[in-house]
PDB file of N, CA and C in Angstrom:
ATOM      1  N   MET A   1       0.775  -1.520   0.087  1.00  0.00           N
ATOM      2  CA  MET A   1      -0.288  -0.111   0.002  1.00  0.00           C
ATOM      3  C   MET A   1       1.004   1.238   0.101  1.00  0.00           C
ATOM      4  N   ASN A   2       0.527   2.227  -0.999  1.00  0.00           N
ATOM      5  CA  ASN A   2       1.129   3.556  -1.542  1.00  0.00           C
ATOM      6  C   ASN A   2       0.850   4.617  -0.376  1.00  0.00           C
ATOM      7  N   LEU A   3       1.041   4.628   0.649  1.00  0.00           N
ATOM      8  CA  LEU A   3       0.719   5.997   1.421  1.00  0.00           C
ATOM      9  C   LEU A   3       1.445   6.721   1.694  1.00  0.00           C
ATOM     10  N   PRO A   4       0.974   8.056   1.897  1.00  0.00           N
ATOM     11  CA  PRO A   4       2.326   9.354   2.778  1.00  0.00           C
ATOM     12  C   PRO A   4       2.108   9.319   4.012  1.00  0.00           C
ATOM     13  N   HIS A   5       1.418   8.454   4.571  1.00  0.00           N
ATOM     14  CA  HIS A   5       1.096   8.382   6.328  1.00  0.00           C
ATOM     15  C   HIS A   5       2.150   7.672   7.076  1.00  0.00           C
ATOM     16  N   LEU A   6       2.469   8.596   7.948  1.00  0.00           N
ATOM     17  CA  LEU A   6       3.426   7.947   8.824  1.00  0.00           C
ATOM     18  C   LEU A   6       3.178   7.533   9.833  1.00  0.00           C
ATOM     19  N   PRO A   7       3.614   6.809  10.668  1.00  0.00           N
ATOM     20  CA  PRO A   7       3.183   6.270  12.501  1.00  0.00           C
ATOM     21  C   PRO A   7       3.717   7.990  13.231  1.00  0.00           C
ATOM     22  N   PRO A   8       2.704   7.927  13.725  1.00  0.00           N
ATOM     23  CA  PRO A   8       1.421   7.449  14.510  1.00  0.00           C
ATOM     24  C   PRO A   8       0.239   7.094  13.695  1.00  0.00           C
ATOM     25  N   ILE A   9       0.549   8.148  12.752  1.00  0.00           N
ATOM     26  CA  ILE A   9      -1.150   8.007  11.838  1.00  0.00           C
ATOM     27  C   ILE A   9      -1.121   7.446  10.661  1.00  0.00           C
ATOM     28  N   ARG A  10      -0.434   6.609  10.338  1.00  0.00           N
ATOM     29  CA  ARG A  10      -0.385   5.514   9.312  1.00  0.00           C
ATOM     30  C   ARG A  10      -0.811   4.485  10.368  1.00  0.00           C
ATOM     31  N   PHE A  11      -2.000   4.048   9.934  1.00  0.00           N
ATOM     32  CA  PHE A  11      -2.734   2.763  10.799  1.00  0.00           C
ATOM     33  C   PHE A  11      -2.792   1.414  10.122  1.00  0.00           C
ATOM     34  N   VAL A  12      -2.633   1.461   8.523  1.00  0.00           N
ATOM     35  CA  VAL A  12      -2.910   0.469   7.827  1.00  0.00           C
ATOM     36  C   VAL A  12      -1.469  -0.468   7.809  1.00  0.00           C
ATOM     37  N   LYS A  13      -1.830  -1.415   8.676  1.00  0.00           N
ATOM     38  CA  LYS A  13      -0.502  -2.339   8.156  1.00  0.00           C
ATOM     39  C   LYS A  13      -0.640  -3.711   7.146  1.00  0.00           C
ATOM     40  N   GLU A  14      -1.522  -4.225   6.837  1.00  0.00           N
ATOM     41  CA  GLU A  14      -1.519  -4.944   5.641  1.00  0.00           C
ATOM     42  C   GLU A  14      -2.691  -5.752   4.843  1.00  0.00           C
ATOM     43  N   VAL A  15      -2.615  -5.544   3.612  1.00  0.00           N
ATOM     44  CA  VAL A  15      -3.781  -6.277   3.038  1.00  0.00           C
ATOM     45  C   VAL A  15      -4.179  -7.388   3.076  1.00  0.00           C
ATOM     46  N   PHE A  16      -5.309  -7.791   3.589  1.00  0.00           N
ATOM     47  CA  PHE A  16      -5.593 -10.007   3.209  1.00  0.00           C
ATOM     48  C   PHE A  16      -5.733  -9.730   2.392  1.00  0.00           C
ATOM     49  N   THR A  17      -7.095  -9.564   1.548  1.00  0.00           N
ATOM     50  CA  THR A  17      -7.662  -9.988   0.576  1.00  0.00           C
ATOM     51  C   THR A  17      -7.925  -8.568  -0.393  1.00  0.00           C
ATOM     52  N   CYS A  18      -8.013  -8.848  -1.281  1.00  0.00           N
ATOM     53  CA  CYS A  18      -8.473  -7.435  -2.169  1.00  0.00           C
ATOM     54  C   CYS A  18      -9.119  -8.091  -3.953  1.00  0.00           C
ATOM     55  N   ASN A  19      -9.960  -7.342  -4.014  1.00  0.00           N
ATOM     56  CA  ASN A  19     -10.656  -7.910  -5.522  1.00  0.00           C
ATOM     57  C   ASN A  19     -11.175  -6.284  -6.056  1.00  0.00           C
ATOM     58  N   ASP A  20     -12.012  -6.455  -6.944  1.00  0.00           N
ATOM     59  CA  ASP A  20     -12.328  -5.222  -7.494  1.00  0.00           C
ATOM     60  C   ASP A  20     -13.328  -4.389  -6.587  1.00  0.00           C
ATOM     61  N   LYS A  21     -13.930  -5.274  -6.145  1.00  0.00           N
ATOM     62  CA  LYS A  21     -14.984  -5.006  -5.063  1.00  0.00           C
ATOM     63  C   LYS A  21     -14.675  -4.667  -3.094  1.00  0.00           C
ATOM     64  N   TYR A  22     -14.080  -5.996  -2.895  1.00  0.00           N
ATOM     65  CA  TYR A  22     -13.847  -5.585  -1.386  1.00  0.00           C
ATOM     66  C   TYR A  22     -12.292  -5.774  -1.247  1.00  0.00           C
ATOM     67  N   ALA A  23     -12.298  -5.368   0.302  1.00  0.00           N
ATOM     68  CA  ALA A  23     -10.789  -5.509   0.288  1.00  0.00           C
ATOM     69  C   ALA A  23     -10.897  -6.005   2.008  1.00  0.00           C
ATOM     70  N   THR A  24     -10.083  -6.899   2.270  1.00  0.00           N
ATOM     71  CA  THR A  24     -10.114  -7.174   3.937  1.00  0.00           C
ATOM     72  C   THR A  24      -8.128  -6.090   4.229  1.00  0.00           C
ATOM     73  N   VAL A  25      -8.696  -5.367   5.313  1.00  0.00           N
ATOM     74  CA  VAL A  25      -7.111  -4.795   5.635  1.00  0.00           C
ATOM     75  C   VAL A  25      -6.969  -4.834   7.316  1.00  0.00           C
ATOM     76  N   LEU A  26      -5.843  -5.583   7.564  1.00  0.00           N
ATOM     77  CA  LEU A  26      -5.021  -5.296   8.744  1.00  0.00           C
ATOM     78  C   LEU A  26      -4.893  -3.915   9.826  1.00  0.00           C
ATOM     79  N   CYS A  27      -5.322  -3.309  10.442  1.00  0.00           N
ATOM     80  CA  CYS A  27      -5.183  -2.483  11.209  1.00  0.00           C
ATOM     81  C   CYS A  27      -4.138  -2.073  12.316  1.00  0.00           C
ATOM     82  N   GLU A  28      -3.582  -1.637  12.820  1.00  0.00           N
ATOM     83  CA  GLU A  28      -2.931  -1.451  14.128  1.00  0.00           C
ATOM     84  C   GLU A  28      -2.472   0.006  14.710  1.00  0.00           C
ATOM     85  N   PHE A  29      -3.369   0.669  16.124  1.00  0.00           N
ATOM     86  CA  PHE A  29      -3.247   1.570  16.438  1.00  0.00           C
ATOM     87  C   PHE A  29      -2.384   1.676  17.670  1.00  0.00           C
ATOM     88  N   PRO A  30      -1.844   2.847  17.998  1.00  0.00           N
ATOM     89  CA  PRO A  30      -0.521   2.761  19.193  1.00  0.00           C
ATOM     90  C   PRO A  30      -1.555   3.191  20.323  1.00  0.00           C
ATOM     91  N   CYS A  31      -2.626   3.698  20.266  1.00  0.00           N
ATOM     92  CA  CYS A  31      -3.623   3.564  21.215  1.00  0.00           C
ATOM     93  C   CYS A  31      -5.089   3.131  21.495  1.00  0.00           C
ATOM     94  N   LEU A  32      -6.084   3.192  22.185  1.00  0.00           N
ATOM     95  CA  LEU A  32      -6.881   2.686  22.129  1.00  0.00           C
ATOM     96  C   LEU A  32      -7.915   3.840  20.830  1.00  0.00           C
ATOM     97  N   PRO A  33      -8.076   3.280  19.735  1.00  0.00           N
ATOM     98  CA  PRO A  33      -8.857   3.928  18.633  1.00  0.00           C
ATOM     99  C   PRO A  33     -10.370   4.592  19.292  1.00  0.00           C
ATOM    100  N   THR A  34     -10.004   5.902  18.526  1.00  0.00           N
ATOM    101  CA  THR A  34     -11.178   6.568  18.846  1.00  0.00           C
ATOM    102  C   THR A  34     -12.017   6.249  17.954  1.00  0.00           C
ATOM    103  N   LEU A  35     -13.109   6.989  17.202  1.00  0.00           N
ATOM    104  CA  LEU A  35     -14.066   6.730  16.778  1.00  0.00           C
ATOM    105  C   LEU A  35     -13.547   7.516  15.465  1.00  0.00           C
ATOM    106  N   SER A  36     -12.870   8.811  15.551  1.00  0.00           N
ATOM    107  CA  SER A  36     -12.317   9.170  14.211  1.00  0.00           C
ATOM    108  C   SER A  36     -10.691   8.714  13.768  1.00  0.00           C
ATOM    109  N   MET A  37     -10.079   7.769  14.712  1.00  0.00           N
ATOM    110  CA  MET A  37      -9.153   7.068  14.236  1.00  0.00           C
ATOM    111  C   MET A  37      -9.542   5.732  13.335  1.00  0.00           C
ATOM    112  N   LEU A  38     -10.435   5.580  14.101  1.00  0.00           N
ATOM    113  CA  LEU A  38     -11.352   3.890  13.175  1.00  0.00           C
ATOM    114  C   LEU A  38     -12.100   4.882  11.859  1.00  0.00           C
ATOM    115  N   THR A  39     -12.270   5.681  11.570  1.00  0.00           N
ATOM    116  CA  THR A  39     -12.567   6.316  10.123  1.00  0.00           C
ATOM    117  C   THR A  39     -11.475   6.436   9.184  1.00  0.00           C
ATOM    118  N   GLU A  40     -10.768   7.030  10.527  1.00  0.00           N
ATOM    119  CA  GLU A  40      -9.441   7.704   9.148  1.00  0.00           C
ATOM    120  C   GLU A  40      -8.470   6.183   8.738  1.00  0.00           C
ATOM    121  N   ALA A  41      -8.786   5.078   9.523  1.00  0.00           N
ATOM    122  CA  ALA A  41      -8.534   3.879   9.125  1.00  0.00           C
ATOM    123  C   ALA A  41      -9.216   3.111   8.053  1.00  0.00           C
ATOM    124  N   ALA A  42     -10.198   3.600   8.229  1.00  0.00           N
ATOM    125  CA  ALA A  42     -11.021   2.959   7.103  1.00  0.00           C
ATOM    126  C   ALA A  42     -10.989   3.747   5.729  1.00  0.00           C
ATOM    127  N   ALA A  43     -10.465   4.966   5.697  1.00  0.00           N
ATOM    128  CA  ALA A  43     -10.508   5.974   4.624  1.00  0.00           C
ATOM    129  C   ALA A  43      -8.808   5.348   3.761  1.00  0.00           C
ATOM    130  N   GLN A  44      -7.473   5.075   4.927  1.00  0.00           N
ATOM    131  CA  GLN A  44      -6.417   4.254   4.212  1.00  0.00           C
ATOM    132  C   GLN A  44      -7.098   2.780   3.824  1.00  0.00           C
ATOM    133  N   ALA A  45      -7.615   2.211   4.127  1.00  0.00           N
ATOM    134  CA  ALA A  45      -7.935   1.389   3.714  1.00  0.00           C
ATOM    135  C   ALA A  45      -8.465   0.796   2.471  1.00  0.00           C
ATOM    136  N   SER A  46      -8.795   1.690   2.153  1.00  0.00           N
ATOM    137  CA  SER A  46      -9.845   2.436   0.647  1.00  0.00           C
ATOM    138  C   SER A  46      -8.376   2.193  -0.357  1.00  0.00           C
ATOM    139  N   SER A  47      -6.877   2.384  -0.023  1.00  0.00           N
ATOM    140  CA  SER A  47      -6.013   2.958  -0.901  1.00  0.00           C
ATOM    141  C   SER A  47      -5.590   1.237  -1.156  1.00  0.00           C
ATOM    142  N   ALA A  48      -6.143   0.205  -1.150  1.00  0.00           N
ATOM    143  CA  ALA A  48      -5.669  -1.375  -0.975  1.00  0.00           C
ATOM    144  C   ALA A  48      -6.754  -1.505  -2.635  1.00  0.00           C
ATOM    145  N   PHE A  49      -7.464  -0.808  -2.642  1.00  0.00           N
ATOM    146  CA  PHE A  49      -8.344  -0.630  -4.381  1.00  0.00           C
ATOM    147  C   PHE A  49      -7.359  -0.158  -5.575  1.00  0.00           C
ATOM    148  N   ALA A  50      -6.123   0.633  -4.986  1.00  0.00           N
ATOM    149  CA  ALA A  50      -4.987   1.442  -6.016  1.00  0.00           C
ATOM    150  C   ALA A  50      -5.032   0.602  -6.541  1.00  0.00           C
ATOM    151  N   LYS A  51      -4.667   1.009  -8.652  1.00  0.00           N
ATOM    152  CA  LYS A  51      -4.622   0.613  -9.715  1.00  0.00           C
ATOM    153  C   LYS A  51      -2.963   0.496  -9.782  1.00  0.00           C
ATOM    154  N   SER A  52      -1.914   1.216  -9.069  1.00  0.00           N
ATOM    155  CA  SER A  52      -0.593   1.284  -9.443  1.00  0.00           C
ATOM    156  C   SER A  52      -0.295   1.544  -8.154  1.00  0.00           C
ATOM    157  N   ASP A  53       1.375   1.044  -7.632  1.00  0.00           N
ATOM    158  CA  ASP A  53       2.143   1.609  -6.832  1.00  0.00           C
ATOM    159  C   ASP A  53       2.772   3.004  -6.914  1.00  0.00           C
ATOM    160  N   THR A  54       2.126   3.630  -7.996  1.00  0.00           N
ATOM    161  CA  THR A  54       2.687   5.086  -7.775  1.00  0.00           C
ATOM    162  C   THR A  54       1.999   6.069  -6.504  1.00  0.00           C
ATOM    163  N   LEU A  55       2.707   7.206  -6.046  1.00  0.00           N
ATOM    164  CA  LEU A  55       1.947   7.756  -5.004  1.00  0.00           C
ATOM    165  C   LEU A  55       1.073   8.370  -5.119  1.00  0.00           C
ATOM    166  N   GLN A  56      -0.316   8.254  -4.751  1.00  0.00           N
ATOM    167  CA  GLN A  56      -1.271   9.518  -5.388  1.00  0.00           C
ATOM    168  C   GLN A  56      -2.268  10.040  -4.048  1.00  0.00           C
ATOM    169  N   ASN A  57      -1.597  11.460  -3.685  1.00  0.00           N
ATOM    170  CA  ASN A  57      -2.465  11.884  -2.686  1.00  0.00           C
ATOM    171  C   ASN A  57      -3.593  11.709  -3.071  1.00  0.00           C
ATOM    172  N   GLY A  58      -4.381  11.563  -1.521  1.00  0.00           N
ATOM    173  CA  GLY A  58      -5.924  11.122  -1.201  1.00  0.00           C
ATOM    174  C   GLY A  58      -6.640  11.805   0.112  1.00  0.00           C
ATOM    175  N   PHE A  59      -7.777  12.385  -0.466  1.00  0.00           N
ATOM    176  CA  PHE A  59      -8.232  13.359   0.924  1.00  0.00           C
ATOM    177  C   PHE A  59      -9.539  12.840   1.339  1.00  0.00           C
ATOM    178  N   LEU A  60      -9.999  12.541   2.075  1.00  0.00           N
ATOM    179  CA  LEU A  60     -10.823  12.056   2.646  1.00  0.00           C
ATOM    180  C   LEU A  60     -12.058  13.559   2.852  1.00  0.00           C
ATOM    181  N   VAL A  61     -13.189  13.832   1.905  1.00  0.00           N
ATOM    182  CA  VAL A  61     -14.207  14.203   1.555  1.00  0.00           C
ATOM    183  C   VAL A  61     -15.187  14.511   2.478  1.00  0.00           C
ATOM    184  N   LEU A  62     -15.684  13.049   2.425  1.00  0.00           N
ATOM    185  CA  LEU A  62     -17.078  12.875   3.230  1.00  0.00           C
ATOM    186  C   LEU A  62     -16.909  11.606   4.160  1.00  0.00           C
ATOM    187  N   ILE A  63     -18.104  11.849   5.163  1.00  0.00           N
ATOM    188  CA  ILE A  63     -17.927  10.662   6.249  1.00  0.00           C
ATOM    189  C   ILE A  63     -19.537  10.768   6.313  1.00  0.00           C
ATOM    190  N   LYS A  64     -20.167   9.597   6.278  1.00  0.00           N
ATOM    191  CA  LYS A  64     -21.681   9.493   6.137  1.00  0.00           C
ATOM    192  C   LYS A  64     -22.042   8.450   7.114  1.00  0.00           C
ATOM    193  N   ASP A  65     -23.384   8.835   7.797  1.00  0.00           N
ATOM    194  CA  ASP A  65     -23.544   7.459   8.397  1.00  0.00           C
ATOM    195  C   ASP A  65     -22.744   6.258   8.803  1.00  0.00           C
ATOM    196  N   VAL A  66     -22.017   7.109  10.012  1.00  0.00           N
ATOM    197  CA  VAL A  66     -21.035   6.232  10.673  1.00  0.00           C
ATOM    198  C   VAL A  66     -21.330   6.225  12.113  1.00  0.00           C
ATOM    199  N   SER A  67     -21.510   4.436  12.716  1.00  0.00           N
ATOM    200  CA  SER A  67     -22.006   4.610  13.633  1.00  0.00           C
ATOM    201  C   SER A  67     -21.174   3.478  14.583  1.00  0.00           C
ATOM    202  N   LEU A  68     -21.192   3.795  15.888  1.00  0.00           N
ATOM    203  CA  LEU A  68     -20.143   3.143  16.955  1.00  0.00           C
ATOM    204  C   LEU A  68     -21.422   1.994  17.653  1.00  0.00           C
ATOM    205  N   HIS A  69     -21.105   0.963  17.254  1.00  0.00           N
ATOM    206  CA  HIS A  69     -21.765  -0.455  17.492  1.00  0.00           C
ATOM    207  C   HIS A  69     -21.383  -0.929  18.747  1.00  0.00           C
ATOM    208  N   ILE A  70     -19.831  -1.326  19.062  1.00  0.00           N
ATOM    209  CA  ILE A  70     -19.287  -1.852  20.342  1.00  0.00           C
ATOM    210  C   ILE A  70     -17.538  -0.615  20.495  1.00  0.00           C
ATOM    211  N   LYS A  71     -17.497   0.016  21.818  1.00  0.00           N
ATOM    212  CA  LYS A  71     -16.337   0.485  21.524  1.00  0.00           C
ATOM    213  C   LYS A  71     -15.496  -0.453  21.585  1.00  0.00           C
ATOM    214  N   VAL A  72     -14.363  -0.560  20.884  1.00  0.00           N
ATOM    215  CA  VAL A  72     -13.317  -1.007  20.649  1.00  0.00           C
ATOM    216  C   VAL A  72     -12.519  -1.096  21.612  1.00  0.00           C
ATOM    217  N   GLN A  73     -12.040  -2.468  22.278  1.00  0.00           N
ATOM    218  CA  GLN A  73     -10.715  -2.506  23.034  1.00  0.00           C
ATOM    219  C   GLN A  73     -10.029  -3.190  22.869  1.00  0.00           C
ATOM    220  N   SER A  74      -9.324  -3.198  21.605  1.00  0.00           N
ATOM    221  CA  SER A  74      -7.890  -3.673  21.056  1.00  0.00           C
ATOM    222  C   SER A  74      -7.325  -2.472  20.211  1.00  0.00           C
ATOM    223  N   LEU A  75      -5.630  -2.640  20.196  1.00  0.00           N
ATOM    224  CA  LEU A  75      -5.431  -2.116  19.131  1.00  0.00           C
ATOM    225  C   LEU A  75      -4.856  -2.378  18.011  1.00  0.00           C
ATOM    226  N   THR A  76      -5.330  -3.722  17.319  1.00  0.00           N
ATOM    227  CA  THR A  76      -5.621  -4.495  16.228  1.00  0.00           C
ATOM    228  C   THR A  76      -7.072  -4.745  15.810  1.00  0.00           C
ATOM    229  N   CYS A  77      -7.198  -4.125  14.776  1.00  0.00           N
ATOM    230  CA  CYS A  77      -8.291  -4.550  13.967  1.00  0.00           C
ATOM    231  C   CYS A  77      -8.490  -4.866  12.779  1.00  0.00           C
ATOM    232  N   VAL A  78      -9.314  -5.339  12.034  1.00  0.00           N
ATOM    233  CA  VAL A  78      -9.860  -5.945  10.170  1.00  0.00           C
ATOM    234  C   VAL A  78     -10.847  -4.668   9.933  1.00  0.00           C
ATOM    235  N   ILE A  79     -10.454  -4.024   8.936  1.00  0.00           N
ATOM    236  CA  ILE A  79     -11.321  -3.417   7.891  1.00  0.00           C
ATOM    237  C   ILE A  79     -11.856  -4.041   6.886  1.00  0.00           C
ATOM    238  N   ILE A  80     -13.284  -4.254   6.663  1.00  0.00           N
ATOM    239  CA  ILE A  80     -13.804  -4.861   5.570  1.00  0.00           C
ATOM    240  C   ILE A  80     -14.101  -3.892   4.573  1.00  0.00           C
ATOM    241  N   ILE A  81     -13.730  -3.631   3.724  1.00  0.00           N
ATOM    242  CA  ILE A  81     -13.709  -1.932   3.062  1.00  0.00           C
ATOM    243  C   ILE A  81     -14.797  -2.664   1.116  1.00  0.00           C
ATOM    244  N   GLU A  82     -15.906  -1.568   1.196  1.00  0.00           N
ATOM    245  CA  GLU A  82     -16.443  -2.084  -0.449  1.00  0.00           C
ATOM    246  C   GLU A  82     -16.437  -0.439  -1.144  1.00  0.00           C
ATOM    247  N   ALA A  83     -16.152  -1.217  -2.572  1.00  0.00           N
ATOM    248  CA  ALA A  83     -16.041  -0.034  -3.181  1.00  0.00           C
ATOM    249  C   ALA A  83     -17.294   0.114  -3.829  1.00  0.00           C
ATOM    250  N   ARG A  84     -18.205   1.103  -3.676  1.00  0.00           N
ATOM    251  CA  ARG A  84     -19.295   1.638  -3.797  1.00  0.00           C
ATOM    252  C   ARG A  84     -19.773   2.311  -5.187  1.00  0.00           C
ATOM    253  N   ALA A  85     -18.989   3.276  -4.951  1.00  0.00           N
ATOM    254  CA  ALA A  85     -19.180   3.788  -6.319  1.00  0.00           C
ATOM    255  C   ALA A  85     -17.783   5.028  -6.841  1.00  0.00           C
ATOM    256  N   SER A  86     -17.772   5.000  -8.097  1.00  0.00           N
ATOM    257  CA  SER A  86     -16.627   6.196  -8.643  1.00  0.00           C
ATOM    258  C   SER A  86     -17.037   6.743  -9.978  1.00  0.00           C
ATOM    259  N   LEU A  87     -16.762   8.296  -9.592  1.00  0.00           N
ATOM    260  CA  LEU A  87     -17.030   8.949 -10.653  1.00  0.00           C
ATOM    261  C   LEU A  87     -16.007  10.284 -11.144  1.00  0.00           C
ATOM    262  N   GLY A  88     -15.174   9.916 -11.723  1.00  0.00           N
ATOM    263  CA  GLY A  88     -14.115  10.432 -12.248  1.00  0.00           C
ATOM    264  C   GLY A  88     -13.004   9.815 -10.911  1.00  0.00           C
ATOM    265  N   ASN A  89     -12.281  10.791 -10.324  1.00  0.00           N
ATOM    266  CA  ASN A  89     -11.196  10.525  -9.013  1.00  0.00           C
ATOM    267  C   ASN A  89     -11.973  10.637  -7.760  1.00  0.00           C
ATOM    268  N   ALA A  90     -13.248  10.660  -7.459  1.00  0.00           N
ATOM    269  CA  ALA A  90     -14.015  10.205  -6.534  1.00  0.00           C
ATOM    270  C   ALA A  90     -14.408   9.185  -6.627  1.00  0.00           C
ATOM    271  N   SER A  91     -14.332   8.915  -5.199  1.00  0.00           N
ATOM    272  CA  SER A  91     -14.922   7.238  -4.883  1.00  0.00           C
ATOM    273  C   SER A  91     -15.479   7.000  -3.533  1.00  0.00           C
ATOM    274  N   GLU A  92     -16.867   6.194  -3.483  1.00  0.00           N
ATOM    275  CA  GLU A  92     -17.714   5.827  -2.622  1.00  0.00           C
ATOM    276  C   GLU A  92     -17.466   4.595  -1.896  1.00  0.00           C
ATOM    277  N   PHE A  93     -17.064   4.761  -0.666  1.00  0.00           N
ATOM    278  CA  PHE A  93     -16.379   3.197   0.045  1.00  0.00           C
ATOM    279  C   PHE A  93     -17.686   2.910   1.248  1.00  0.00           C
ATOM    280  N   TYR A  94     -17.861   1.519   1.822  1.00  0.00           N
ATOM    281  CA  TYR A  94     -18.936   1.453   2.692  1.00  0.00           C
ATOM    282  C   TYR A  94     -17.798   0.661   3.645  1.00  0.00           C
ATOM    283  N   PHE A  95     -17.613   0.425   4.981  1.00  0.00           N
ATOM    284  CA  PHE A  95     -16.632   0.119   5.378  1.00  0.00           C
ATOM    285  C   PHE A  95     -17.501  -0.441   6.857  1.00  0.00           C
ATOM    286  N   GLU A  96     -16.697  -1.733   7.522  1.00  0.00           N
ATOM    287  CA  GLU A  96     -16.892  -1.776   8.583  1.00  0.00           C
ATOM    288  C   GLU A  96     -15.656  -2.638   9.334  1.00  0.00           C
ATOM    289  N   VAL A  97     -15.583  -2.360  10.494  1.00  0.00           N
ATOM    290  CA  VAL A  97     -14.539  -2.543  11.416  1.00  0.00           C
ATOM    291  C   VAL A  97     -14.962  -3.144  12.337  1.00  0.00           C
ATOM    292  N   PHE A  98     -14.185  -4.245  12.463  1.00  0.00           N
ATOM    293  CA  PHE A  98     -14.136  -5.513  13.530  1.00  0.00           C
ATOM    294  C   PHE A  98     -12.875  -5.593  14.636  1.00  0.00           C
ATOM    295  N   GLU A  99     -12.817  -6.238  15.436  1.00  0.00           N
ATOM    296  CA  GLU A  99     -12.026  -6.356  16.515  1.00  0.00           C
ATOM    297  C   GLU A  99     -11.311  -7.126  15.806  1.00  0.00           C
ATOM    298  N   LYS A 100      -9.642  -7.958  15.935  1.00  0.00           N
ATOM    299  CA  LYS A 100      -9.092  -8.921  14.831  1.00  0.00           C
ATOM    300  C   LYS A 100      -9.256  -9.934  16.427  1.00  0.00           C
ATOM    301  N   GLU A 101      -9.267  -9.702  17.542  1.00  0.00           N
ATOM    302  CA  GLU A 101     -10.114 -10.642  18.059  1.00  0.00           C
ATOM    303  C   GLU A 101     -11.362 -10.638  18.444  1.00  0.00           C
ATOM    304  N   GLY A 102     -11.946 -11.660  18.484  1.00  0.00           N
ATOM    305  CA  GLY A 102     -13.714 -11.832  18.678  1.00  0.00           C
ATOM    306  C   GLY A 102     -14.676 -11.426  17.351  1.00  0.00           C
ATOM    307  N   GLY A 103     -14.244 -10.771  16.760  1.00  0.00           N
ATOM    308  CA  GLY A 103     -14.850 -10.586  15.352  1.00  0.00           C
ATOM    309  C   GLY A 103     -16.139  -9.837  15.497  1.00  0.00           C
ATOM    310  N   MET A 104     -16.222  -9.182  16.359  1.00  0.00           N
ATOM    311  CA  MET A 104     -17.825  -8.662  16.467  1.00  0.00           C
ATOM    312  C   MET A 104     -17.528  -6.984  15.935  1.00  0.00           C
ATOM    313  N   MET A 105     -19.004  -6.611  14.756  1.00  0.00           N
ATOM    314  CA  MET A 105     -18.741  -5.403  14.623  1.00  0.00           C
ATOM    315  C   MET A 105     -18.560  -4.053  15.525  1.00  0.00           C
ATOM    316  N   SER A 106     -17.689  -3.377  15.133  1.00  0.00           N
ATOM    317  CA  SER A 106     -17.810  -2.154  16.327  1.00  0.00           C
ATOM    318  C   SER A 106     -18.277  -1.139  15.241  1.00  0.00           C
ATOM    319  N   VAL A 107     -17.617  -0.570  14.035  1.00  0.00           N
ATOM    320  CA  VAL A 107     -17.913   0.356  13.632  1.00  0.00           C
ATOM    321  C   VAL A 107     -18.457   0.112  12.271  1.00  0.00           C
ATOM    322  N   SER A 108     -19.491   0.899  11.395  1.00  0.00           N
ATOM    323  CA  SER A 108     -19.832   0.847   9.904  1.00  0.00           C
ATOM    324  C   SER A 108     -20.031   2.163   9.397  1.00  0.00           C
ATOM    325  N   GLY A 109     -20.296   2.439   8.194  1.00  0.00           N
ATOM    326  CA  GLY A 109     -20.369   3.495   7.459  1.00  0.00           C
ATOM    327  C   GLY A 109     -19.726   3.288   5.909  1.00  0.00           C
ATOM    328  N   SER A 110     -19.951   4.927   5.573  1.00  0.00           N
ATOM    329  CA  SER A 110     -20.063   5.279   4.452  1.00  0.00           C
ATOM    330  C   SER A 110     -18.840   6.640   4.457  1.00  0.00           C
ATOM    331  N   LEU A 111     -17.790   6.522   3.442  1.00  0.00           N
ATOM    332  CA  LEU A 111     -17.192   7.323   3.295  1.00  0.00           C
ATOM    333  C   LEU A 111     -16.846   7.892   1.840  1.00  0.00           C
ATOM    334  N   MET A 112     -16.458   9.363   1.268  1.00  0.00           N
ATOM    335  CA  MET A 112     -15.606   9.133   0.022  1.00  0.00           C
ATOM    336  C   MET A 112     -14.846   9.510   0.093  1.00  0.00           C
ATOM    337  N   VAL A 113     -13.465   9.391  -0.936  1.00  0.00           N
ATOM    338  CA  VAL A 113     -12.314   9.941  -1.177  1.00  0.00           C
ATOM    339  C   VAL A 113     -11.663   9.914  -2.852  1.00  0.00           C
ATOM    340  N   VAL A 114     -10.912  11.865  -2.179  1.00  0.00           N
ATOM    341  CA  VAL A 114     -10.869  12.190  -3.554  1.00  0.00           C
ATOM    342  C   VAL A 114      -9.508  12.073  -4.033  1.00  0.00           C
ATOM    343  N   LEU A 115      -8.945  11.984  -4.935  1.00  0.00           N
ATOM    344  CA  LEU A 115      -8.000  11.381  -5.413  1.00  0.00           C
ATOM    345  C   LEU A 115      -7.093  12.757  -6.338  1.00  0.00           C
ATOM    346  N   GLU A 116      -5.848  13.361  -5.410  1.00  0.00           N
ATOM    347  CA  GLU A 116      -5.900  15.097  -6.100  1.00  0.00           C
ATOM    348  C   GLU A 116      -5.033  14.362  -7.889  1.00  0.00           C
ATOM    349  N   GLU A 117      -5.890  15.111  -8.516  1.00  0.00           N
ATOM    350  CA  GLU A 117      -5.168  15.256 -10.313  1.00  0.00           C
ATOM    351  C   GLU A 117      -3.937  15.069 -10.394  1.00  0.00           C
ATOM    352  N   GLY A 118      -3.147  14.637 -10.774  1.00  0.00           N
ATOM    353  CA  GLY A 118      -1.583  14.776 -11.244  1.00  0.00           C
ATOM    354  C   GLY A 118      -0.424  14.635 -10.171  1.00  0.00           C
ATOM    355  N   SER A 119      -1.101  14.009  -8.780  1.00  0.00           N
ATOM    356  CA  SER A 119      -0.312  14.132  -7.504  1.00  0.00           C
ATOM    357  C   SER A 119       1.461  12.602  -7.810  1.00  0.00           C
ATOM    358  N   VAL A 120       2.328  13.286  -7.142  1.00  0.00           N
ATOM    359  CA  VAL A 120       3.118  12.644  -7.599  1.00  0.00           C
ATOM    360  C   VAL A 120       3.899  11.647  -6.400  1.00  0.00           C
TER     361      VAL A 120
END
């Protein structure tokens, strides 16, 4: 995954699976994650769908219907992210966050990422 983020803000560690529609991504946090951190991790997880390894800046521009179902009690989570729609350089994703141990869904919601045109 080619992200400009550095620790402690880079949460995505590994892509477990990825196809055209869905990706499953491992995330680790330096402290118990807040809802904002989990949403940022989902935005970072969307980079699993990148078509090339060229660095391209993406901006989280929309957060919609995000719900905290259960407070996360782990530093390690798995995010399942679904590519829902894409128009030009904007893409909408639906995501669900699960604690790595236990498998209960903690957070769900949608977000939109816009890729910067001509970024290097």
